[in-house]
Protein backbone atom coordinates (compact mmCIF):
# COMPACT_ATOMS: atom_id res chain seq x y z
CA UNK A 1 61.36 87.96 -88.83
CA UNK A 2 62.97 90.96 -87.77
CA UNK A 3 63.68 91.07 -83.98
CA UNK A 4 66.00 92.29 -81.06
CA UNK A 5 67.08 90.01 -78.46
CA UNK A 6 68.56 91.82 -75.22
CA UNK A 7 71.61 89.60 -74.27
CA UNK A 8 72.60 92.11 -71.65
CA UNK A 9 71.22 95.38 -70.18
CA UNK A 10 73.10 96.17 -66.95
CA UNK A 11 75.31 99.11 -66.90
CA UNK A 12 78.76 99.81 -65.15
CA UNK A 13 79.38 96.40 -63.55
CA UNK A 14 77.55 93.12 -63.85
CA UNK A 15 75.35 91.71 -61.02
CA UNK A 16 74.26 88.36 -59.95
CA UNK A 17 71.82 86.85 -57.65
CA UNK A 18 68.04 86.54 -57.22
CA UNK A 19 67.58 90.27 -56.97
CA UNK A 20 68.84 90.77 -60.66
CA UNK A 21 67.31 87.75 -62.33
CA UNK A 22 64.17 89.59 -64.10
CA UNK A 23 65.94 92.52 -65.58
CA UNK A 24 69.33 90.87 -65.73
CA UNK A 25 72.71 91.31 -64.27
CA UNK A 26 74.90 91.12 -67.80
CA UNK A 27 76.15 94.13 -69.25
CA UNK A 28 75.27 95.54 -72.50
CA UNK A 29 75.04 93.36 -75.56
CA UNK A 30 72.25 93.51 -78.16
CA UNK A 31 71.51 91.03 -80.98
CA UNK A 32 69.88 92.65 -83.92
CA UNK A 33 68.28 90.50 -86.50
CA UNK A 34 67.10 92.68 -89.60
CA UNK A 35 66.77 92.21 -93.34
CA UNK A 36 68.30 88.74 -93.11
CA UNK A 37 71.31 89.96 -91.32
CA UNK A 38 72.64 89.53 -87.73
CA UNK A 39 74.94 91.48 -85.68
CA UNK A 40 75.92 92.43 -82.33
CA UNK A 41 75.87 95.89 -80.52
CA UNK A 42 78.57 96.12 -77.85
CA UNK A 43 80.29 93.26 -76.17
CA UNK A 44 79.39 93.34 -72.59
CA UNK A 45 79.04 90.04 -70.40
CA UNK A 46 75.67 89.53 -72.32
CA UNK A 47 77.89 88.60 -75.23
CA UNK A 48 78.27 85.31 -73.32
CA UNK A 49 74.57 84.69 -73.84
CA UNK A 50 74.83 85.13 -77.76
CA UNK A 51 73.61 81.99 -79.54
CA UNK A 52 76.35 80.32 -81.64
CA UNK A 53 75.70 80.27 -85.47
CA UNK A 54 75.02 76.70 -86.96
CA UNK A 55 77.72 74.97 -88.35
CA UNK A 56 76.41 75.11 -91.83
CA UNK A 57 75.93 78.87 -91.88
CA UNK A 58 78.55 81.65 -92.77
CA UNK A 59 80.55 82.15 -89.70
CA UNK A 60 81.35 85.82 -90.45
CA UNK A 61 80.10 87.87 -87.55
CA UNK A 62 79.84 91.52 -87.16
CA UNK A 63 80.26 93.45 -83.66
CA UNK A 64 79.62 97.14 -83.51
CA UNK A 65 81.33 98.82 -80.37
CA UNK A 66 79.68 102.13 -79.28
CA UNK A 67 82.90 102.91 -77.11
CA UNK A 68 85.59 101.44 -75.23
CA UNK A 69 84.26 101.20 -71.46
CA UNK A 70 85.11 97.82 -69.88
CA UNK A 71 81.58 97.34 -68.91
CA UNK A 72 80.86 97.14 -72.88
CA UNK A 73 83.70 94.99 -73.62
CA UNK A 74 83.97 92.38 -70.61
CA UNK A 75 81.98 89.62 -72.82
CA UNK A 76 84.98 89.25 -75.14
CA UNK A 77 87.25 87.84 -72.54
CA UNK A 78 85.62 84.17 -72.67
CA UNK A 79 82.99 84.59 -75.52
CA UNK A 80 82.27 81.18 -76.89
CA UNK A 81 82.28 82.84 -80.36
CA UNK A 82 86.09 83.54 -80.16
CA UNK A 83 86.65 79.93 -78.93
CA UNK A 84 85.63 78.55 -82.35
CA UNK A 85 88.47 78.81 -85.11
CA UNK A 86 85.73 78.62 -87.72
CA UNK A 87 84.46 82.12 -86.76
CA UNK A 88 85.53 85.30 -88.05
CA UNK A 89 84.66 88.31 -86.07
CA UNK A 90 84.55 91.88 -87.60
CA UNK A 91 84.86 94.47 -84.90
CA UNK A 92 83.72 97.84 -85.93
CA UNK A 93 84.99 100.58 -83.46
CA UNK A 94 83.02 103.51 -82.56
CA UNK A 95 84.96 106.65 -81.62
CA UNK A 96 88.33 105.09 -82.48
CA UNK A 97 89.96 104.23 -85.48
CA UNK A 98 90.79 100.47 -86.28
CA UNK A 99 94.31 100.50 -85.24
CA UNK A 100 93.57 102.41 -82.00
CA UNK A 101 90.86 100.15 -81.34
CA UNK A 102 93.03 97.10 -81.63
CA UNK A 103 95.67 98.57 -79.37
CA UNK A 104 92.93 99.49 -76.57
CA UNK A 105 91.70 95.87 -76.58
CA UNK A 106 95.00 94.22 -76.45
CA UNK A 107 95.92 96.59 -73.51
CA UNK A 108 92.83 95.44 -71.57
CA UNK A 109 93.05 91.74 -72.58
CA UNK A 110 96.85 91.11 -72.02
CA UNK A 111 99.03 90.36 -68.83
CA UNK A 112 98.81 91.69 -66.07
CA UNK A 113 95.02 92.42 -66.45
CA UNK A 114 94.02 89.43 -68.51
CA UNK A 115 96.12 86.21 -69.28
CA UNK A 116 95.16 85.53 -72.92
CA UNK A 117 95.19 88.15 -75.60
CA UNK A 118 92.42 87.98 -78.36
CA UNK A 119 94.52 87.24 -81.04
CA UNK A 120 95.63 84.18 -79.33
CA UNK A 121 92.16 82.93 -79.44
CA UNK A 122 91.04 80.40 -82.21
CA UNK A 123 88.65 82.64 -84.15
CA UNK A 124 89.96 85.33 -86.57
CA UNK A 125 89.59 88.87 -85.17
CA UNK A 126 89.53 91.97 -87.64
CA UNK A 127 89.27 95.49 -86.72
CA UNK A 128 87.41 97.90 -88.89
CA UNK A 129 86.45 101.55 -88.53
CA UNK A 130 82.61 102.39 -87.85
CA UNK A 131 81.91 105.40 -90.38
CA UNK A 132 78.90 107.70 -90.43
CA UNK A 133 77.15 105.13 -92.80
CA UNK A 134 78.05 101.40 -93.01
CA UNK A 135 76.29 98.84 -95.36
CA UNK A 136 76.24 95.29 -94.19
CA UNK A 137 74.17 93.38 -96.90
CA UNK A 138 70.67 94.66 -97.09
CA UNK A 139 71.28 96.35 -93.55
CA UNK A 140 72.29 100.04 -93.29
CA UNK A 141 73.96 101.48 -90.15
CA UNK A 142 74.12 105.13 -89.70
CA UNK A 143 75.88 106.76 -86.76
CA UNK A 144 75.89 110.04 -84.69
CA UNK A 145 77.99 111.17 -81.69
CA UNK A 146 76.43 111.08 -78.22
CA UNK A 147 77.33 112.81 -74.86
CA UNK A 148 79.34 110.64 -72.74
CA UNK A 149 82.89 110.88 -71.25
CA UNK A 150 85.42 109.83 -73.82
CA UNK A 151 82.51 109.83 -76.31
CA UNK A 152 79.94 107.30 -77.62
CA UNK A 153 78.86 106.29 -81.03
CA UNK A 154 74.99 106.09 -81.38
CA UNK A 155 73.57 103.84 -84.21
CA UNK A 156 70.61 103.48 -86.27
CA UNK A 157 69.84 100.41 -88.24
CA UNK A 158 67.55 100.30 -91.13
CA UNK A 159 66.70 97.05 -92.99
CA UNK A 160 63.53 94.97 -93.86
CA UNK A 161 61.38 98.07 -93.62
CA UNK A 162 62.34 98.42 -89.78
CA UNK A 163 64.58 100.92 -87.81
CA UNK A 164 66.25 100.35 -84.69
CA UNK A 165 68.09 103.07 -82.75
CA UNK A 166 70.90 102.13 -80.05
CA UNK A 167 71.68 104.85 -77.79
CA UNK A 168 73.80 103.44 -74.85
CA UNK A 169 75.70 105.78 -72.35
CA UNK A 170 74.18 109.03 -73.46
CA UNK A 171 73.23 111.94 -71.57
CA UNK A 172 70.05 113.44 -72.87
CA UNK A 173 69.88 117.30 -72.14
CA UNK A 174 67.32 119.98 -73.19
CA UNK A 175 70.04 121.20 -75.49
CA UNK A 176 70.59 117.77 -77.21
CA UNK A 177 67.36 116.29 -77.12
CA UNK A 178 66.07 117.81 -80.51
CA UNK A 179 69.09 116.54 -82.46
CA UNK A 180 68.65 113.00 -80.67
CA UNK A 181 65.10 112.94 -81.30
CA UNK A 182 65.74 113.78 -85.15
CA UNK A 183 68.38 111.00 -85.26
CA UNK A 184 65.80 108.54 -83.80
CA UNK A 185 62.62 109.90 -85.74
CA UNK A 186 59.92 107.50 -86.50
CA UNK A 187 62.17 104.45 -85.30
CA UNK A 188 60.27 101.18 -84.52
CA UNK A 189 62.42 100.42 -81.39
CA UNK A 190 64.67 102.89 -79.34
CA UNK A 191 67.18 101.33 -77.05
CA UNK A 192 67.96 104.24 -74.82
CA UNK A 193 70.09 104.74 -71.72
CA UNK A 194 68.08 105.61 -68.65
CA UNK A 195 70.40 104.37 -65.82
CA UNK A 196 69.24 106.76 -63.06
CA UNK A 197 65.98 107.62 -61.36
CA UNK A 198 65.08 111.40 -61.23
CA UNK A 199 65.84 111.68 -57.47
CA UNK A 200 69.45 110.24 -58.09
CA UNK A 201 70.22 112.80 -60.92
CA UNK A 202 71.48 115.71 -58.85
CA UNK A 203 74.37 113.79 -57.72
CA UNK A 204 75.11 111.91 -60.97
CA UNK A 205 74.54 114.35 -63.60
CA UNK A 206 78.03 114.38 -64.61
CA UNK A 207 78.48 110.48 -65.12
CA UNK A 208 77.37 110.35 -68.75
CA UNK A 209 74.08 108.74 -68.55
CA UNK A 210 70.41 109.70 -68.24
CA UNK A 211 67.60 109.31 -66.28
CA UNK A 212 64.58 106.89 -67.54
CA UNK A 213 62.25 110.04 -67.41
CA UNK A 214 64.62 111.64 -70.02
CA UNK A 215 64.56 108.29 -72.21
CA UNK A 216 60.63 108.50 -72.01
CA UNK A 217 60.85 112.40 -73.27
CA UNK A 218 63.05 111.31 -76.14
CA UNK A 219 61.02 108.51 -77.36
CA UNK A 220 58.00 110.70 -77.27
CA UNK A 221 59.95 113.56 -79.07
CA UNK A 222 61.09 111.12 -81.94
CA UNK A 223 57.73 109.25 -82.24
CA UNK A 224 59.49 105.88 -81.42
CA UNK A 225 57.19 102.97 -81.75
CA UNK A 226 58.69 101.09 -78.67
CA UNK A 227 61.02 102.12 -76.13
CA UNK A 228 63.34 99.70 -74.14
CA UNK A 229 65.45 101.39 -71.32
CA UNK A 230 68.83 99.99 -70.99
CA UNK A 231 72.00 100.21 -68.68
CA UNK A 232 70.21 99.61 -65.52
CA UNK A 233 72.23 100.81 -62.56
CA UNK A 234 74.02 97.94 -60.76
CA UNK A 235 72.24 98.92 -57.48
CA UNK A 236 68.77 98.89 -58.89
CA UNK A 237 67.13 95.54 -58.08
CA UNK A 238 64.39 93.86 -59.80
CA UNK A 239 61.85 95.15 -57.31
CA UNK A 240 62.95 98.83 -57.74
CA UNK A 241 63.06 98.65 -61.52
CA UNK A 242 59.43 96.43 -61.63
CA UNK A 243 58.08 99.58 -59.70
CA UNK A 244 59.37 102.10 -62.20
CA UNK A 245 58.15 99.62 -65.06
CA UNK A 246 54.51 99.81 -63.75
CA UNK A 247 54.54 103.60 -63.63
CA UNK A 248 55.84 103.77 -67.23
CA UNK A 249 53.57 101.15 -68.97
CA UNK A 250 50.34 102.44 -67.18
CA UNK A 251 50.81 105.56 -69.27
CA UNK A 252 52.84 104.06 -72.46
CA UNK A 253 52.02 100.34 -72.94
CA UNK A 254 54.83 100.06 -75.57
CA UNK A 255 57.58 101.76 -73.27
CA UNK A 256 59.45 99.48 -70.66
CA UNK A 257 62.47 98.57 -68.98
CA UNK A 258 64.80 95.99 -71.05
CA UNK A 259 64.31 92.42 -69.71
CA UNK A 260 66.91 89.73 -69.50
CA UNK A 261 66.81 87.77 -72.62
CA UNK A 262 63.73 89.77 -73.93
CA UNK A 263 62.98 89.05 -77.69
CA UNK A 264 61.32 92.29 -79.18
CA UNK A 265 59.59 91.36 -82.51
CA UNK A 266 59.58 94.41 -84.83
């Protein structure tokens, strides 16, 4: 069964508490299961929620990183996946070559910022480039560049007769909307940054994100079957997002804000 699990959908920094229970407080991490393959998209604190592979299965795991801002990396620090020496984690680096990606992560996860380097954890970690087209078994990954400070790699996953498009940390503008819509054309599921409300946009338009109304425009322009808005602002509580959700689903029942641990069957 092809499906996508939202392990984390919060943006910028993680949040905790009863006001962040429904839509979640963990930062971006998505588990995609398509065409018999499983892979992880980004390594926010949601990576801590990733189910461990059964002992009898292949312990080789693929993690695709859209970019190297820390909210998309924090889950690596104590991920159970890296605490098991039987696991082999292949990190595909968006926006950087493999050597530079390894250097960046070693800089973040080393003293004085963090006491333990990734290379000192039990699991084997290998760094690989994320090209325009990547074949992982029966699953094909295509990439494009998004609009975000420092760059961001957008991803389109095809396999098992389904297509999933992952657009984190990307500003949707009138100018780039046609190209983004073409990249996501006809996808079964669009995961799109919609961090801000329209009234917040004037003060945040240069931050490298989008409003949820812009994410909706993109979903409609691309003909996406389902939309899940991700990268929830750290100050947006469950009640605020639920109000926006009600407005959205009243018009478009298959569109919504990503929920914590939501499983989306394709």
